[in-house]
Every structure is written in structure tokens, then in C-alpha cells.
C-alpha atoms as a PDB file:
ATOM      1  CA  MET A   1     -11.347  -6.718  26.084  1.00  0.00           C
ATOM      2  CA  THR A   2     -10.738  -8.982  23.104  1.00  0.00           C
ATOM      3  CA  ALA A   3      -7.457 -10.871  23.085  1.00  0.00           C
ATOM      4  CA  TYR A   4      -5.920 -11.712  19.755  1.00  0.00           C
ATOM      5  CA  ARG A   5      -2.522 -12.652  18.421  1.00  0.00           C
ATOM      6  CA  ILE A   6      -1.010 -10.599  15.633  1.00  0.00           C
ATOM      7  CA  PRO A   7       0.117 -13.092  12.969  1.00  0.00           C
ATOM      8  CA  LEU A   8       3.490 -13.021  11.262  1.00  0.00           C
ATOM      9  CA  PRO A   9       3.688 -10.794   8.199  1.00  0.00           C
ATOM     10  CA  ALA A  10       1.906 -12.680   5.455  1.00  0.00           C
ATOM     11  CA  ARG A  11       4.771 -12.078   3.031  1.00  0.00           C
ATOM     12  CA  SER A  12       8.198 -11.992   4.605  1.00  0.00           C
ATOM     13  CA  GLY A  13      11.500 -11.585   2.859  1.00  0.00           C
ATOM     14  CA  PRO A  14      14.621 -13.185   4.343  1.00  0.00           C
ATOM     15  CA  ALA A  15      15.643 -11.709   7.671  1.00  0.00           C
ATOM     16  CA  ASP A  16      19.385 -12.198   7.135  1.00  0.00           C
ATOM     17  CA  VAL A  17      20.914  -8.808   7.794  1.00  0.00           C
ATOM     18  CA  GLY A  18      24.483 -10.084   7.935  1.00  0.00           C
ATOM     19  CA  ASP A  19      26.970  -7.542   9.260  1.00  0.00           C
ATOM     20  CA  GLY A  20      24.416  -4.778   9.837  1.00  0.00           C
ATOM     21  CA  ARG A  21      24.484  -3.491   6.247  1.00  0.00           C
ATOM     22  CA  PHE A  22      21.132  -4.488   4.828  1.00  0.00           C
ATOM     23  CA  SER A  23      19.295  -3.251   1.773  1.00  0.00           C
ATOM     24  CA  VAL A  24      15.775  -4.289   0.775  1.00  0.00           C
ATOM     25  CA  GLU A  25      15.328  -6.280   3.984  1.00  0.00           C
ATOM     26  CA  ARG A  26      14.988  -3.040   5.923  1.00  0.00           C
ATOM     27  CA  TRP A  27      11.550  -2.283   4.421  1.00  0.00           C
ATOM     28  CA  ALA A  28       8.163  -3.104   5.933  1.00  0.00           C
ATOM     29  CA  CYS A  29       4.697  -2.336   4.608  1.00  0.00           C
ATOM     30  CA  GLY A  30       1.649  -2.348   6.819  1.00  0.00           C
ATOM     31  CA  VAL A  31      -1.698  -0.994   7.872  1.00  0.00           C
ATOM     32  CA  ALA A  32      -1.177   1.874  10.328  1.00  0.00           C
ATOM     33  CA  ALA A  33      -4.886   2.576  10.940  1.00  0.00           C
ATOM     34  CA  SER A  34      -8.294   1.421   9.759  1.00  0.00           C
ATOM     35  CA  TRP A  35     -11.864   2.646   9.687  1.00  0.00           C
ATOM     36  CA  GLU A  36     -12.629   0.047  12.346  1.00  0.00           C
ATOM     37  CA  GLU A  37     -10.779   2.150  14.923  1.00  0.00           C
ATOM     38  CA  TRP A  38     -11.055   5.548  13.172  1.00  0.00           C
ATOM     39  CA  PRO A  39     -14.584   5.778  11.626  1.00  0.00           C
ATOM     40  CA  PRO A  40     -14.731   8.210   8.669  1.00  0.00           C
ATOM     41  CA  ASP A  41     -17.789   9.998  10.036  1.00  0.00           C
ATOM     42  CA  ARG A  42     -15.668  11.114  13.038  1.00  0.00           C
ATOM     43  CA  TYR A  43     -12.096  11.335  11.665  1.00  0.00           C
ATOM     44  CA  THR A  44     -10.210  12.414   8.537  1.00  0.00           C
ATOM     45  CA  PHE A  45      -6.517  11.584   8.161  1.00  0.00           C
ATOM     46  CA  ALA A  46      -4.190  14.468   7.317  1.00  0.00           C
ATOM     47  CA  LEU A  47      -1.448  12.230   5.980  1.00  0.00           C
ATOM     48  CA  PRO A  48       2.114  13.476   6.501  1.00  0.00           C
ATOM     49  CA  ASN A  49       4.131  14.423   3.436  1.00  0.00           C
ATOM     50  CA  VAL A  50       7.402  13.871   5.339  1.00  0.00           C
ATOM     51  CA  GLY A  51       8.725  10.910   7.310  1.00  0.00           C
ATOM     52  CA  ARG A  52       7.685  10.163  10.861  1.00  0.00           C
ATOM     53  CA  PRO A  53       9.812   8.320  13.432  1.00  0.00           C
ATOM     54  CA  VAL A  54       9.252   4.632  14.135  1.00  0.00           C
ATOM     55  CA  PHE A  55       9.582   3.424  17.720  1.00  0.00           C
ATOM     56  CA  VAL A  56       9.053   0.152  19.568  1.00  0.00           C
ATOM     57  CA  ASP A  57       6.019   0.405  21.864  1.00  0.00           C
ATOM     58  CA  HIS A  58       6.009   4.230  21.696  1.00  0.00           C
ATOM     59  CA  GLU A  59       9.279   4.442  23.653  1.00  0.00           C
ATOM     60  CA  GLU A  60      10.830   7.690  22.405  1.00  0.00           C
ATOM     61  CA  ASP A  61      13.932   7.549  24.612  1.00  0.00           C
ATOM     62  CA  GLN A  62      16.297   4.802  25.683  1.00  0.00           C
ATOM     63  CA  ILE A  63      18.412   4.861  28.800  1.00  0.00           C
ATOM     64  CA  VAL A  64      22.164   4.817  28.174  1.00  0.00           C
ATOM     65  CA  THR A  65      25.112   5.330  30.517  1.00  0.00           C
ATOM     66  CA  SER A  66      25.290   9.047  29.714  1.00  0.00           C
ATOM     67  CA  GLY A  67      21.559   9.629  30.240  1.00  0.00           C
ATOM     68  CA  SER A  68      19.100   8.998  27.437  1.00  0.00           C
ATOM     69  CA  ALA A  69      19.174   8.823  23.663  1.00  0.00           C
ATOM     70  CA  PRO A  70      16.535   8.760  20.947  1.00  0.00           C
ATOM     71  CA  ALA A  71      15.014   5.288  20.589  1.00  0.00           C
ATOM     72  CA  ASP A  72      13.792   5.509  17.012  1.00  0.00           C
ATOM     73  CA  VAL A  73      14.359   2.310  15.048  1.00  0.00           C
ATOM     74  CA  GLY A  74      13.427   3.647  11.641  1.00  0.00           C
ATOM     75  CA  VAL A  75      11.308   6.075   9.666  1.00  0.00           C
ATOM     76  CA  ALA A  76       7.795   5.796   8.269  1.00  0.00           C
ATOM     77  CA  ARG A  77       8.667   7.106   4.798  1.00  0.00           C
ATOM     78  CA  ARG A  78       5.295   7.152   3.063  1.00  0.00           C
ATOM     79  CA  PHE A  79       1.605   7.145   3.943  1.00  0.00           C
ATOM     80  CA  ALA A  80      -1.441   6.531   1.759  1.00  0.00           C
ATOM     81  CA  GLU A  81      -5.135   6.045   2.404  1.00  0.00           C
ATOM     82  CA  THR A  82      -6.977   3.414   0.416  1.00  0.00           C
ATOM     83  CA  GLY A  83     -10.078   1.323   1.002  1.00  0.00           C
ATOM     84  CA  GLY A  84     -10.552   2.502   4.582  1.00  0.00           C
ATOM     85  CA  LEU A  85      -6.956   1.774   5.546  1.00  0.00           C
ATOM     86  CA  VAL A  86      -3.920   3.972   6.105  1.00  0.00           C
ATOM     87  CA  ILE A  87      -1.011   2.160   4.461  1.00  0.00           C
ATOM     88  CA  VAL A  88       2.528   2.930   5.616  1.00  0.00           C
ATOM     89  CA  LEU A  89       5.952   2.141   4.142  1.00  0.00           C
ATOM     90  CA  ILE A  90       8.603   1.859   6.846  1.00  0.00           C
ATOM     91  CA  GLU A  91      12.375   1.918   6.497  1.00  0.00           C
ATOM     92  CA  LEU A  92      13.997   0.227   9.509  1.00  0.00           C
ATOM     93  CA  SER A  93      17.437   1.223  10.735  1.00  0.00           C
ATOM     94  CA  ALA A  94      17.873  -1.360  13.497  1.00  0.00           C
ATOM     95  CA  ALA A  95      18.794  -4.897  12.448  1.00  0.00           C
ATOM     96  CA  SER A  96      17.391  -6.294  15.709  1.00  0.00           C
ATOM     97  CA  VAL A  97      13.938  -4.984  14.773  1.00  0.00           C
ATOM     98  CA  VAL A  98      14.096  -6.756  11.399  1.00  0.00           C
ATOM     99  CA  TRP A  99      14.678  -9.967  13.358  1.00  0.00           C
ATOM    100  CA  ASP A 100      11.810  -9.134  15.730  1.00  0.00           C
ATOM    101  CA  LEU A 101       9.465  -8.874  12.744  1.00  0.00           C
ATOM    102  CA  ALA A 102      10.701 -12.153  11.283  1.00  0.00           C
ATOM    103  CA  GLN A 103      10.205 -13.890  14.626  1.00  0.00           C
ATOM    104  CA  GLY A 104       6.730 -12.423  15.149  1.00  0.00           C
ATOM    105  CA  LYS A 105       7.619 -10.469  18.297  1.00  0.00           C
ATOM    106  CA  ARG A 106       6.248  -7.099  17.165  1.00  0.00           C
ATOM    107  CA  ASN A 107       4.041  -7.296  14.083  1.00  0.00           C
ATOM    108  CA  GLY A 108       1.344  -4.879  15.197  1.00  0.00           C
ATOM    109  CA  LEU A 109       1.416  -1.191  14.327  1.00  0.00           C
ATOM    110  CA  SER A 110       0.251   1.683  16.473  1.00  0.00           C
ATOM    111  CA  ILE A 111       0.151   5.386  15.735  1.00  0.00           C
ATOM    112  CA  LYS A 112       0.524   8.366  18.014  1.00  0.00           C
ATOM    113  CA  ALA A 113      -1.816  10.996  16.649  1.00  0.00           C
ATOM    114  CA  HIS A 114      -2.980  14.497  17.453  1.00  0.00           C
ATOM    115  CA  LEU A 115      -6.586  15.474  16.773  1.00  0.00           C
ATOM    116  CA  ASP A 116      -7.533  18.860  15.386  1.00  0.00           C
ATOM    117  CA  PRO A 117     -11.109  20.053  14.875  1.00  0.00           C
ATOM    118  CA  PRO A 118     -11.458  21.523  11.381  1.00  0.00           C
ATOM    119  CA  PRO A 119     -12.739  25.077  11.019  1.00  0.00           C
ATOM    120  CA  GLY A 120     -16.465  24.993  10.442  1.00  0.00           C
ATOM    121  CA  GLY A 121     -16.972  21.533  11.966  1.00  0.00           C
ATOM    122  CA  GLY A 122     -16.923  18.077  10.457  1.00  0.00           C
ATOM    123  CA  PRO A 123     -14.767  15.024  11.161  1.00  0.00           C
ATOM    124  CA  GLU A 124     -11.676  15.736  13.272  1.00  0.00           C
ATOM    125  CA  TRP A 125      -8.362  15.826  11.435  1.00  0.00           C
ATOM    126  CA  VAL A 126      -5.921  13.133  12.548  1.00  0.00           C
ATOM    127  CA  HIS A 127      -2.255  14.173  12.353  1.00  0.00           C
ATOM    128  CA  ILE A 128       0.118  11.198  12.689  1.00  0.00           C
ATOM    129  CA  ALA A 129       3.093  12.039  14.922  1.00  0.00           C
ATOM    130  CA  GLU A 130       4.812   8.639  14.954  1.00  0.00           C
ATOM    131  CA  VAL A 131       4.377   4.948  14.228  1.00  0.00           C
ATOM    132  CA  SER A 132       5.310   2.167  16.638  1.00  0.00           C
ATOM    133  CA  LEU A 133       5.906  -1.534  16.251  1.00  0.00           C
ATOM    134  CA  THR A 134       4.102  -3.384  19.029  1.00  0.00           C
ATOM    135  CA  SER A 135       2.723  -6.767  19.992  1.00  0.00           C
ATOM    136  CA  ARG A 136      -0.564  -5.212  21.185  1.00  0.00           C
ATOM    137  CA  PRO A 137      -1.982  -2.599  18.811  1.00  0.00           C
ATOM    138  CA  ARG A 138      -5.238  -0.881  19.754  1.00  0.00           C
ATOM    139  CA  ASP A 139      -6.520  -1.261  16.185  1.00  0.00           C
ATOM    140  CA  PRO A 140      -6.819  -5.011  15.443  1.00  0.00           C
ATOM    141  CA  LEU A 141      -6.248  -4.441  11.701  1.00  0.00           C
ATOM    142  CA  ALA A 142      -3.066  -2.377  12.181  1.00  0.00           C
ATOM    143  CA  ARG A 143      -0.157  -4.666  11.439  1.00  0.00           C
ATOM    144  CA  VAL A 144       2.884  -5.301   9.280  1.00  0.00           C
ATOM    145  CA  VAL A 145       1.710  -7.212   6.209  1.00  0.00           C
ATOM    146  CA  SER A 146       5.015  -7.708   4.408  1.00  0.00           C
ATOM    147  CA  THR A 147       8.740  -7.153   4.714  1.00  0.00           C
ATOM    148  CA  GLY A 148      11.759  -6.928   2.434  1.00  0.00           C
ATOM    149  CA  GLN A 149      11.262  -6.863  -1.325  1.00  0.00           C
ATOM    150  CA  PHE A 150       7.647  -7.939  -0.789  1.00  0.00           C
ATOM    151  CA  ALA A 151       7.016  -4.727   1.176  1.00  0.00           C
ATOM    152  CA  LEU A 152       8.193  -2.567  -1.734  1.00  0.00           C
ATOM    153  CA  HIS A 153       6.038  -4.556  -4.145  1.00  0.00           C
ATOM    154  CA  ASP A 154       2.980  -4.473  -1.863  1.00  0.00           C
ATOM    155  CA  TRP A 155       3.288  -0.707  -1.375  1.00  0.00           C
ATOM    156  CA  GLN A 156       3.180  -0.246  -5.140  1.00  0.00           C
ATOM    157  CA  VAL A 157       0.230  -2.633  -5.579  1.00  0.00           C
ATOM    158  CA  LEU A 158      -1.798  -1.158  -2.702  1.00  0.00           C
ATOM    159  CA  THR A 159      -1.177   2.506  -3.485  1.00  0.00           C
ATOM    160  CA  GLY A 160      -0.328   2.567  -7.201  1.00  0.00           C
ATOM    161  CA  GLU A 161       2.762   4.615  -6.277  1.00  0.00           C
ATOM    162  CA  PRO A 162       6.140   3.243  -7.342  1.00  0.00           C
ATOM    163  CA  VAL A 163       9.007   3.164  -4.887  1.00  0.00           C
ATOM    164  CA  LEU A 164      11.799   5.061  -6.619  1.00  0.00           C
ATOM    165  CA  GLY A 165      15.349   3.821  -6.246  1.00  0.00           C
ATOM    166  CA  GLN A 166      14.379   0.406  -4.943  1.00  0.00           C
ATOM    167  CA  ALA A 167      17.097  -2.210  -5.076  1.00  0.00           C
END
């Protein structure tokens, strides 16, 4: 097994989220999957056209005094495939996770996916169920590459798709 350290996002906006009301700082852009882990001769991504939940280390529930509650920390709003990479734009809803990214605690990305053989054969379809922030992604290229205003800019540069309503 190869050990590696996921570096800090190459382009990070300020991590000051103040009183919990944060605007552009809640965005992150990253590589959710690459051809290194998902070779195109075996897999084809069926990219979601709606948001997918974002978790920390694939933990879907958190324990609270009354039992358990959903542990999502944001939403993967958009997906695009370009140059052998699946690019994702994430909107975070937990200020503590924005700090984790800024401090380099969880800069890797991991997807939970379901495989579906296409009718008639060919590469299996990959349906993304969720995205997780982690310190140990299975795919060494899957990581957050930018945060804040830089994330919105990088999404547009990488995909050619503008982010409407950006601050």
C-alpha cells in the first residue's frame, strides 16, 4: 500500500466564517474521481443532475442524545467530466468543515458509487451516491483543489460552466 499525504488545497480562500453566516467561503472545488482509479475501458460515469450529500469519512449518521441524526456537512451541487477527471463543486454547510479544509485535516475526496452493467455490455455505469471529505482517499488524485472564491472560479475554468448567482 502506498502512503501519501494529501496536500492543502492549492488555492484557498480565507477560512474566516465569523458567526456561522458565510458566503463564498462555503464553496470547494475538487477532483472526485480519476481515470487512474476508474479506467474508461471498464467504467463510464453517469453524472448526477441533482445534488448529492457530502459527508466526512462516509459517516451518514451522527450520534446525538435523542438517537442519531443525518451527518451531512454539505451538498455536491455540480459534477462534470473533463480530461479523465470527475470535477465536483461542493457547497459546505458546516463551518467546522471549512476550517478542517483550511487546516489540511480532510482534503481528500471519496465517492460512494453504485455500479450498473449497461444493457448490451460495455463499461459499467458508475452512479455517484455521495461524496465524502477524507484524509485517506482511495483515488490518489481525488482531492479538494480550491476553496472559497477560487473554487467558483476554478469550476468555471475547468468545466466552462459559469456558476450562476455567485457572490
